[in-house]
Amino acid sequence: MAQLKIINDGARSHLPFSPGIIAGDFMYVSGQASVDAETGAIITDSFEGEVRRSIANLKAILEAAGLSLDHVINVKSYVADEADLAQYNAIYRDYFTAPAPTRSTIVGVLGTKLKFELDCVAFVPKTRQQAD
């Protein structure tokens, strides 16, 4: 029978969603933004600060499940301002090394409260580096 496990550790939110769910060989992590990992309160920052905090929250949830950023196989990113895309791509390389996960980036969808958000799918049994 396939494994189903809710991951509630790492970074939390006061909003009605689970931080992560493992379903079989895959882990789905909810959208992570520039929020306090304990309270879920939005932390306004520079674009770089918001990206790094968002990825730190994502990483904490993965680690709570015994995984790492190297297990991530798909990233969906949401960038408020198209002018920040070059900076996002540069920061992204600090966290996601080759071979890179698949990725989609949507621009102009966050409104005025956030500059950045991302979610992911991770493969539980292996890292990207262990792929054939």
N, C-alpha and C. Protein backbone atom coordinates (compact mmCIF):
# COMPACT_ATOMS: atom_id res chain seq x y z
N MET A 1 0.85 -1.18 0.00
CA MET A 1 0.00 0.00 0.00
C MET A 1 0.89 1.25 0.00
N ALA A 2 0.51 2.26 -0.75
CA ALA A 2 1.29 3.49 -0.87
C ALA A 2 1.28 4.27 0.44
N GLN A 3 2.39 4.90 0.71
CA GLN A 3 2.57 5.71 1.91
C GLN A 3 1.88 7.06 1.74
N LEU A 4 1.21 7.52 2.79
CA LEU A 4 0.63 8.86 2.81
C LEU A 4 0.96 9.45 4.18
N LYS A 5 1.69 10.55 4.19
CA LYS A 5 2.14 11.14 5.45
C LYS A 5 2.06 12.66 5.36
N ILE A 6 1.49 13.28 6.38
CA ILE A 6 1.42 14.74 6.46
C ILE A 6 2.67 15.24 7.18
N ILE A 7 3.33 16.24 6.61
CA ILE A 7 4.51 16.86 7.22
C ILE A 7 4.08 18.22 7.76
N ASN A 8 4.05 18.37 9.07
CA ASN A 8 3.64 19.62 9.70
C ASN A 8 4.79 20.36 10.36
N ASP A 9 6.01 19.89 10.17
CA ASP A 9 7.17 20.52 10.79
C ASP A 9 7.98 21.28 9.75
N GLY A 10 8.91 22.08 10.22
CA GLY A 10 9.78 22.86 9.34
C GLY A 10 9.36 24.31 9.33
N ALA A 11 8.36 24.62 8.55
CA ALA A 11 7.79 25.96 8.50
C ALA A 11 6.28 25.80 8.56
N ARG A 12 5.65 26.63 9.34
CA ARG A 12 4.21 26.50 9.55
C ARG A 12 3.48 27.72 9.02
N SER A 13 2.18 27.54 8.89
CA SER A 13 1.32 28.65 8.47
C SER A 13 0.06 28.63 9.31
N HIS A 14 -0.54 29.78 9.48
CA HIS A 14 -1.83 29.85 10.15
C HIS A 14 -2.96 29.66 9.13
N LEU A 15 -2.61 29.52 7.86
CA LEU A 15 -3.60 29.33 6.80
C LEU A 15 -3.98 27.85 6.70
N PRO A 16 -5.12 27.55 6.09
CA PRO A 16 -5.62 26.17 6.07
C PRO A 16 -4.98 25.29 4.98
N PHE A 17 -3.70 24.92 5.17
CA PHE A 17 -3.05 23.96 4.29
C PHE A 17 -1.94 23.25 5.05
N SER A 18 -1.61 22.05 4.60
CA SER A 18 -0.50 21.30 5.17
C SER A 18 0.79 21.79 4.53
N PRO A 19 1.87 21.94 5.31
CA PRO A 19 3.14 22.35 4.71
C PRO A 19 3.63 21.36 3.64
N GLY A 20 3.49 20.07 3.93
CA GLY A 20 3.92 19.07 2.97
C GLY A 20 3.14 17.78 3.14
N ILE A 21 3.02 17.04 2.05
CA ILE A 21 2.39 15.73 2.08
C ILE A 21 3.22 14.78 1.24
N ILE A 22 3.56 13.63 1.84
CA ILE A 22 4.21 12.56 1.09
C ILE A 22 3.12 11.61 0.64
N ALA A 23 3.07 11.37 -0.66
CA ALA A 23 2.12 10.44 -1.25
C ALA A 23 2.92 9.46 -2.11
N GLY A 24 3.11 8.27 -1.61
CA GLY A 24 3.92 7.29 -2.32
C GLY A 24 5.36 7.74 -2.39
N ASP A 25 5.90 7.84 -3.61
CA ASP A 25 7.30 8.22 -3.80
C ASP A 25 7.50 9.72 -3.95
N PHE A 26 6.43 10.50 -3.79
CA PHE A 26 6.53 11.94 -4.03
C PHE A 26 6.13 12.74 -2.81
N MET A 27 6.81 13.87 -2.63
CA MET A 27 6.43 14.82 -1.59
C MET A 27 6.03 16.12 -2.27
N TYR A 28 4.88 16.63 -1.87
CA TYR A 28 4.36 17.89 -2.39
C TYR A 28 4.48 18.92 -1.28
N VAL A 29 5.15 20.03 -1.56
CA VAL A 29 5.31 21.09 -0.57
C VAL A 29 4.49 22.29 -1.01
N SER A 30 3.66 22.78 -0.09
CA SER A 30 2.82 23.95 -0.35
C SER A 30 3.66 25.18 -0.62
N GLY A 31 3.04 26.18 -1.23
CA GLY A 31 3.73 27.43 -1.52
C GLY A 31 4.38 28.03 -0.29
N GLN A 32 5.65 28.38 -0.43
CA GLN A 32 6.42 28.99 0.66
C GLN A 32 6.82 30.40 0.24
N ALA A 33 6.57 31.32 1.16
CA ALA A 33 6.86 32.73 0.90
C ALA A 33 7.73 33.28 2.01
N SER A 34 7.93 34.56 2.01
CA SER A 34 8.74 35.24 3.01
C SER A 34 7.91 35.41 4.28
N VAL A 35 7.82 34.31 5.04
CA VAL A 35 7.05 34.32 6.29
C VAL A 35 7.90 33.78 7.42
N ASP A 36 7.55 34.17 8.63
CA ASP A 36 8.18 33.61 9.82
C ASP A 36 7.84 32.13 9.89
N ALA A 37 8.84 31.27 10.03
CA ALA A 37 8.62 29.82 10.00
C ALA A 37 7.78 29.31 11.17
N GLU A 38 7.73 30.05 12.26
CA GLU A 38 6.96 29.64 13.43
C GLU A 38 5.53 30.17 13.42
N THR A 39 5.35 31.40 12.97
CA THR A 39 4.03 32.04 13.08
C THR A 39 3.30 32.17 11.75
N GLY A 40 4.02 32.13 10.66
CA GLY A 40 3.41 32.33 9.35
C GLY A 40 3.20 33.79 9.00
N ALA A 41 3.65 34.70 9.86
CA ALA A 41 3.50 36.13 9.60
C ALA A 41 4.40 36.55 8.44
N ILE A 42 3.87 37.33 7.52
CA ILE A 42 4.63 37.82 6.38
C ILE A 42 5.76 38.72 6.86
N ILE A 43 6.94 38.51 6.28
CA ILE A 43 8.11 39.34 6.56
C ILE A 43 8.46 40.07 5.26
N THR A 44 8.21 41.37 5.22
CA THR A 44 8.53 42.17 4.04
C THR A 44 10.03 42.39 4.00
N ASP A 45 10.61 42.23 2.83
CA ASP A 45 12.06 42.31 2.70
C ASP A 45 12.39 42.71 1.26
N SER A 46 13.67 42.79 0.95
CA SER A 46 14.10 42.98 -0.43
C SER A 46 13.70 41.74 -1.22
N PHE A 47 13.75 41.82 -2.53
CA PHE A 47 13.44 40.63 -3.34
C PHE A 47 14.35 39.48 -2.95
N GLU A 48 15.65 39.75 -2.87
CA GLU A 48 16.59 38.69 -2.49
C GLU A 48 16.26 38.10 -1.13
N GLY A 49 15.96 38.94 -0.16
CA GLY A 49 15.61 38.46 1.17
C GLY A 49 14.37 37.57 1.15
N GLU A 50 13.38 37.96 0.37
CA GLU A 50 12.16 37.17 0.29
C GLU A 50 12.42 35.82 -0.39
N VAL A 51 13.22 35.82 -1.44
CA VAL A 51 13.54 34.55 -2.12
C VAL A 51 14.28 33.63 -1.16
N ARG A 52 15.30 34.13 -0.52
CA ARG A 52 16.10 33.29 0.37
C ARG A 52 15.28 32.76 1.56
N ARG A 53 14.41 33.58 2.12
CA ARG A 53 13.55 33.14 3.22
C ARG A 53 12.56 32.09 2.73
N SER A 54 12.00 32.29 1.56
CA SER A 54 11.05 31.32 0.99
C SER A 54 11.73 29.97 0.78
N ILE A 55 12.93 29.98 0.23
CA ILE A 55 13.65 28.72 -0.01
C ILE A 55 14.07 28.10 1.31
N ALA A 56 14.44 28.90 2.30
CA ALA A 56 14.77 28.36 3.62
C ALA A 56 13.57 27.64 4.23
N ASN A 57 12.38 28.21 4.08
CA ASN A 57 11.17 27.56 4.59
C ASN A 57 10.90 26.26 3.84
N LEU A 58 11.05 26.27 2.52
CA LEU A 58 10.88 25.07 1.72
C LEU A 58 11.86 23.99 2.17
N LYS A 59 13.11 24.38 2.34
CA LYS A 59 14.17 23.46 2.76
C LYS A 59 13.86 22.87 4.14
N ALA A 60 13.36 23.67 5.06
CA ALA A 60 13.04 23.19 6.41
C ALA A 60 11.94 22.13 6.38
N ILE A 61 10.96 22.31 5.52
CA ILE A 61 9.87 21.33 5.40
C ILE A 61 10.41 20.03 4.80
N LEU A 62 11.22 20.14 3.76
CA LEU A 62 11.84 18.95 3.18
C LEU A 62 12.68 18.21 4.22
N GLU A 63 13.48 18.94 4.98
CA GLU A 63 14.34 18.32 5.99
C GLU A 63 13.53 17.66 7.09
N ALA A 64 12.36 18.20 7.41
CA ALA A 64 11.49 17.57 8.41
C ALA A 64 11.03 16.19 7.94
N ALA A 65 11.05 15.98 6.64
CA ALA A 65 10.68 14.68 6.06
C ALA A 65 11.90 13.82 5.75
N GLY A 66 13.10 14.30 6.11
CA GLY A 66 14.33 13.56 5.84
C GLY A 66 14.85 13.74 4.42
N LEU A 67 14.41 14.80 3.75
CA LEU A 67 14.82 15.06 2.37
C LEU A 67 15.65 16.34 2.30
N SER A 68 16.12 16.66 1.10
CA SER A 68 16.90 17.89 0.89
C SER A 68 16.43 18.54 -0.40
N LEU A 69 17.00 19.70 -0.69
CA LEU A 69 16.70 20.37 -1.96
C LEU A 69 17.12 19.52 -3.16
N ASP A 70 18.07 18.59 -2.95
CA ASP A 70 18.50 17.71 -4.04
C ASP A 70 17.43 16.70 -4.42
N HIS A 71 16.43 16.50 -3.57
CA HIS A 71 15.32 15.59 -3.90
C HIS A 71 14.24 16.28 -4.74
N VAL A 72 14.32 17.60 -4.86
CA VAL A 72 13.30 18.36 -5.59
C VAL A 72 13.44 18.08 -7.09
N ILE A 73 12.29 17.70 -7.71
CA ILE A 73 12.31 17.41 -9.14
C ILE A 73 11.50 18.43 -9.94
N ASN A 74 10.67 19.23 -9.25
CA ASN A 74 9.87 20.25 -9.95
C ASN A 74 9.65 21.43 -9.03
N VAL A 75 9.84 22.63 -9.56
CA VAL A 75 9.63 23.88 -8.82
C VAL A 75 8.65 24.74 -9.61
N LYS A 76 7.70 25.29 -8.91
CA LYS A 76 6.84 26.32 -9.48
C LYS A 76 7.13 27.60 -8.71
N SER A 77 7.46 28.66 -9.43
CA SER A 77 7.85 29.93 -8.83
C SER A 77 6.88 31.02 -9.26
N TYR A 78 6.69 31.95 -8.36
CA TYR A 78 5.78 33.07 -8.60
C TYR A 78 6.55 34.34 -8.27
N VAL A 79 6.77 35.19 -9.26
CA VAL A 79 7.57 36.40 -9.12
C VAL A 79 6.65 37.59 -9.41
N ALA A 80 6.58 38.53 -8.47
CA ALA A 80 5.68 39.67 -8.63
C ALA A 80 6.09 40.59 -9.77
N ASP A 81 7.39 40.87 -9.88
CA ASP A 81 7.88 41.87 -10.83
C ASP A 81 8.84 41.23 -11.83
N GLU A 82 8.52 41.31 -13.09
CA GLU A 82 9.36 40.73 -14.14
C GLU A 82 10.80 41.23 -14.08
N ALA A 83 11.00 42.44 -13.58
CA ALA A 83 12.34 43.00 -13.48
C ALA A 83 13.23 42.20 -12.52
N ASP A 84 12.64 41.37 -11.68
CA ASP A 84 13.41 40.58 -10.70
C ASP A 84 13.83 39.21 -11.23
N LEU A 85 13.46 38.87 -12.45
CA LEU A 85 13.74 37.52 -12.96
C LEU A 85 15.22 37.20 -13.03
N ALA A 86 16.05 38.11 -13.49
CA ALA A 86 17.48 37.84 -13.58
C ALA A 86 18.07 37.58 -12.20
N GLN A 87 17.66 38.37 -11.22
CA GLN A 87 18.15 38.16 -9.86
C GLN A 87 17.65 36.82 -9.31
N TYR A 88 16.42 36.47 -9.60
CA TYR A 88 15.88 35.18 -9.17
C TYR A 88 16.71 34.03 -9.74
N ASN A 89 16.99 34.08 -11.04
CA ASN A 89 17.78 33.02 -11.66
C ASN A 89 19.15 32.89 -11.04
N ALA A 90 19.77 34.00 -10.68
CA ALA A 90 21.09 33.96 -10.03
C ALA A 90 20.99 33.34 -8.63
N ILE A 91 20.01 33.74 -7.85
CA ILE A 91 19.83 33.19 -6.49
C ILE A 91 19.47 31.71 -6.57
N TYR A 92 18.63 31.34 -7.49
CA TYR A 92 18.18 29.96 -7.66
C TYR A 92 19.36 29.01 -7.78
N ARG A 93 20.37 29.43 -8.52
CA ARG A 93 21.57 28.58 -8.72
C ARG A 93 22.32 28.32 -7.42
N ASP A 94 22.16 29.18 -6.42
CA ASP A 94 22.79 28.95 -5.11
C ASP A 94 22.18 27.75 -4.39
N TYR A 95 20.96 27.40 -4.71
CA TYR A 95 20.22 26.36 -3.98
C TYR A 95 19.98 25.09 -4.78
N PHE A 96 19.77 25.22 -6.08
CA PHE A 96 19.44 24.07 -6.92
C PHE A 96 20.57 23.84 -7.92
N THR A 97 21.39 22.84 -7.61
CA THR A 97 22.56 22.55 -8.42
C THR A 97 22.20 21.55 -9.52
N ALA A 98 23.11 21.38 -10.46
CA ALA A 98 22.90 20.48 -11.60
C ALA A 98 22.86 19.03 -11.13
N PRO A 99 22.04 18.23 -11.75
CA PRO A 99 21.05 18.60 -12.74
C PRO A 99 19.88 19.34 -12.08
N ALA A 100 19.45 20.40 -12.70
CA ALA A 100 18.41 21.25 -12.12
C ALA A 100 17.04 20.58 -12.19
N PRO A 101 16.16 20.90 -11.23
CA PRO A 101 14.78 20.41 -11.33
C PRO A 101 14.08 21.05 -12.53
N THR A 102 12.98 20.46 -12.96
CA THR A 102 12.14 21.14 -13.94
C THR A 102 11.54 22.35 -13.23
N ARG A 103 11.14 23.37 -14.01
CA ARG A 103 10.66 24.60 -13.35
C ARG A 103 9.71 25.37 -14.25
N SER A 104 8.71 25.95 -13.61
CA SER A 104 7.83 26.92 -14.25
C SER A 104 7.88 28.18 -13.42
N THR A 105 7.88 29.33 -14.07
CA THR A 105 7.88 30.60 -13.37
C THR A 105 6.76 31.46 -13.92
N ILE A 106 5.91 31.90 -13.02
CA ILE A 106 4.78 32.75 -13.40
C ILE A 106 5.05 34.15 -12.84
N VAL A 107 4.84 35.15 -13.66
CA VAL A 107 5.15 36.53 -13.29
C VAL A 107 3.87 37.35 -13.15
N GLY A 108 3.86 38.27 -12.18
CA GLY A 108 2.78 39.24 -12.04
C GLY A 108 1.51 38.71 -11.39
N VAL A 109 1.63 37.74 -10.48
CA VAL A 109 0.43 37.12 -9.91
C VAL A 109 0.31 37.25 -8.39
N LEU A 110 1.20 37.96 -7.73
CA LEU A 110 1.23 37.95 -6.27
C LEU A 110 0.56 39.15 -5.61
N GLY A 111 0.11 40.11 -6.34
CA GLY A 111 -0.47 41.28 -5.71
C GLY A 111 0.61 42.15 -5.09
N THR A 112 0.31 42.77 -3.96
CA THR A 112 1.24 43.74 -3.37
C THR A 112 1.90 43.28 -2.07
N LYS A 113 1.47 42.17 -1.48
CA LYS A 113 2.02 41.75 -0.19
C LYS A 113 3.35 41.01 -0.30
N LEU A 114 3.53 40.26 -1.37
CA LEU A 114 4.72 39.42 -1.52
C LEU A 114 5.42 39.73 -2.84
N LYS A 115 6.73 39.51 -2.83
CA LYS A 115 7.52 39.65 -4.05
C LYS A 115 7.80 38.30 -4.70
N PHE A 116 7.66 37.21 -3.90
CA PHE A 116 8.08 35.89 -4.37
C PHE A 116 7.40 34.79 -3.57
N GLU A 117 7.17 33.66 -4.25
CA GLU A 117 6.69 32.44 -3.60
C GLU A 117 7.09 31.26 -4.48
N LEU A 118 7.26 30.08 -3.87
CA LEU A 118 7.53 28.89 -4.64
C LEU A 118 6.96 27.66 -3.95
N ASP A 119 6.69 26.63 -4.74
CA ASP A 119 6.31 25.33 -4.20
C ASP A 119 7.09 24.28 -4.97
N CYS A 120 7.01 23.03 -4.54
CA CYS A 120 7.79 22.02 -5.23
C CYS A 120 7.18 20.63 -5.09
N VAL A 121 7.72 19.74 -5.92
CA VAL A 121 7.49 18.31 -5.80
C VAL A 121 8.88 17.68 -5.65
N ALA A 122 9.01 16.78 -4.68
CA ALA A 122 10.27 16.08 -4.44
C ALA A 122 10.07 14.59 -4.65
N PHE A 123 11.12 13.93 -5.09
CA PHE A 123 11.11 12.48 -5.26
C PHE A 123 11.77 11.88 -4.03
N VAL A 124 11.04 11.09 -3.28
CA VAL A 124 11.51 10.61 -1.98
C VAL A 124 12.67 9.62 -2.08
N PRO A 125 12.63 8.62 -2.98
CA PRO A 125 13.68 7.59 -2.94
C PRO A 125 15.08 8.03 -3.35
N LYS A 126 15.21 9.02 -4.23
CA LYS A 126 16.52 9.40 -4.75
C LYS A 126 16.63 10.90 -4.95
N THR A 127 17.87 11.37 -5.00
CA THR A 127 18.12 12.76 -5.36
C THR A 127 18.25 12.87 -6.89
N ARG A 128 18.23 14.10 -7.38
CA ARG A 128 18.43 14.32 -8.82
C ARG A 128 19.79 13.80 -9.26
N GLN A 129 20.78 13.92 -8.39
CA GLN A 129 22.15 13.51 -8.72
C GLN A 129 22.25 11.99 -8.87
N GLN A 130 21.28 11.25 -8.33
CA GLN A 130 21.30 9.79 -8.44
C GLN A 130 20.50 9.30 -9.65
N ALA A 131 19.97 10.21 -10.45
CA ALA A 131 19.17 9.84 -11.62
C ALA A 131 20.03 9.14 -12.66
N ASP A 132 19.40 8.28 -13.42
CA ASP A 132 20.10 7.59 -14.50
C ASP A 132 20.39 8.53 -15.65
